[in-house]
Protein backbone atom coordinates (compact mmCIF):
# COMPACT_ATOMS: atom_id res chain seq x y z
CA UNK A 1 118.14 -111.02 142.56
CA UNK A 2 120.14 -107.85 143.28
CA UNK A 3 116.90 -105.90 143.58
CA UNK A 4 115.26 -108.32 146.01
CA UNK A 5 113.96 -106.47 149.02
CA UNK A 6 114.82 -103.06 147.56
CA UNK A 7 112.23 -100.49 146.60
CA UNK A 8 112.65 -98.69 143.31
CA UNK A 9 113.98 -95.16 143.96
CA UNK A 10 110.92 -93.67 142.30
CA UNK A 11 108.29 -95.85 143.97
CA UNK A 12 106.85 -93.09 146.14
CA UNK A 13 106.85 -90.61 143.26
CA UNK A 14 105.11 -93.02 140.90
CA UNK A 15 102.55 -94.06 143.54
CA UNK A 16 101.54 -90.44 144.05
CA UNK A 17 101.25 -89.82 140.30
CA UNK A 18 99.21 -92.99 139.79
CA UNK A 19 96.76 -91.88 142.51
CA UNK A 20 96.20 -88.64 140.63
CA UNK A 21 95.56 -90.47 137.37
CA UNK A 22 93.20 -92.95 139.06
CA UNK A 23 90.89 -90.11 140.07
CA UNK A 24 89.78 -89.88 136.42
CA UNK A 25 91.49 -92.65 134.48
CA UNK A 26 89.65 -91.93 131.23
CA UNK A 27 90.69 -88.30 131.19
CA UNK A 28 94.24 -89.22 132.18
CA UNK A 29 94.54 -91.74 129.34
CA UNK A 30 93.19 -89.24 126.81
CA UNK A 31 95.66 -86.62 128.06
CA UNK A 32 98.59 -89.06 127.88
CA UNK A 33 97.66 -90.22 124.38
CA UNK A 34 97.49 -86.63 123.14
CA UNK A 35 100.91 -85.89 124.61
CA UNK A 36 102.39 -89.00 123.01
CA UNK A 37 101.64 -87.90 119.45
CA UNK A 38 103.10 -84.41 119.72
CA UNK A 39 106.64 -83.85 118.45
CA UNK A 40 108.95 -82.75 121.31
CA UNK A 41 109.15 -79.22 119.90
CA UNK A 42 105.37 -78.88 120.04
CA UNK A 43 104.77 -80.72 123.30
CA UNK A 44 104.40 -78.22 126.14
CA UNK A 45 105.24 -80.95 128.65
CA UNK A 46 108.48 -82.15 126.98
CA UNK A 47 110.60 -80.02 129.31
CA UNK A 48 108.66 -81.15 132.37
CA UNK A 49 109.12 -84.77 131.37
CA UNK A 50 112.84 -84.32 130.74
CA UNK A 51 113.20 -82.63 134.13
CA UNK A 52 111.30 -85.42 135.85
CA UNK A 53 113.50 -88.09 134.25
CA UNK A 54 116.63 -86.12 135.23
CA UNK A 55 115.45 -85.90 138.85
CA UNK A 56 114.66 -89.61 138.86
CA UNK A 57 118.17 -90.34 137.54
CA UNK A 58 119.61 -88.22 140.34
CA UNK A 59 117.57 -90.18 142.91
CA UNK A 60 119.01 -93.40 141.47
CA UNK A 61 122.57 -91.99 141.63
CA UNK A 62 122.10 -91.01 145.29
CA UNK A 63 120.77 -94.47 146.12
CA UNK A 64 123.73 -96.04 144.30
CA UNK A 65 126.13 -93.88 146.32
CA UNK A 66 124.51 -95.24 149.50
CA UNK A 67 124.74 -98.82 148.23
CA UNK A 68 120.97 -99.17 147.80
CA UNK A 69 121.26 -99.58 144.03
CA UNK A 70 123.99 -101.59 142.32
CA UNK A 71 126.91 -99.35 141.36
CA UNK A 72 126.93 -100.62 137.77
CA UNK A 73 123.37 -99.42 137.11
CA UNK A 74 123.28 -96.66 134.49
CA UNK A 75 121.14 -94.06 136.28
CA UNK A 76 120.02 -92.31 133.08
CA UNK A 77 119.01 -95.55 131.40
CA UNK A 78 117.23 -96.79 134.53
CA UNK A 79 115.34 -93.50 134.86
CA UNK A 80 114.27 -93.55 131.21
CA UNK A 81 113.23 -97.21 131.41
CA UNK A 82 111.26 -96.56 134.61
CA UNK A 83 109.49 -93.59 133.07
CA UNK A 84 108.74 -95.57 129.91
CA UNK A 85 107.12 -98.35 131.92
CA UNK A 86 105.13 -95.83 133.94
CA UNK A 87 103.97 -94.12 130.73
CA UNK A 88 102.94 -97.48 129.22
CA UNK A 89 100.86 -98.27 132.31
CA UNK A 90 99.09 -94.93 132.02
CA UNK A 91 98.14 -95.64 128.43
CA UNK A 92 96.42 -98.82 129.57
């Protein structure tokens, strides 16, 4: 109930990304699947993904500091969980 009426800190970011993927969902899914099977050392997007998750965690920390996210929320864990859900949606 703590989240009732509160938008996720990454809502706007994820909405924009989903719009891009919706333009060609088949191509997006193929791209995501290919990225998923690459070991981090061979995945050219591993650093981009890590940076994205770090920025999302920072957004969550800022919202927590303003009282918009519960103080006990682990920002890193929340960012990783949010990205994991987003990634699962992309895979269809």
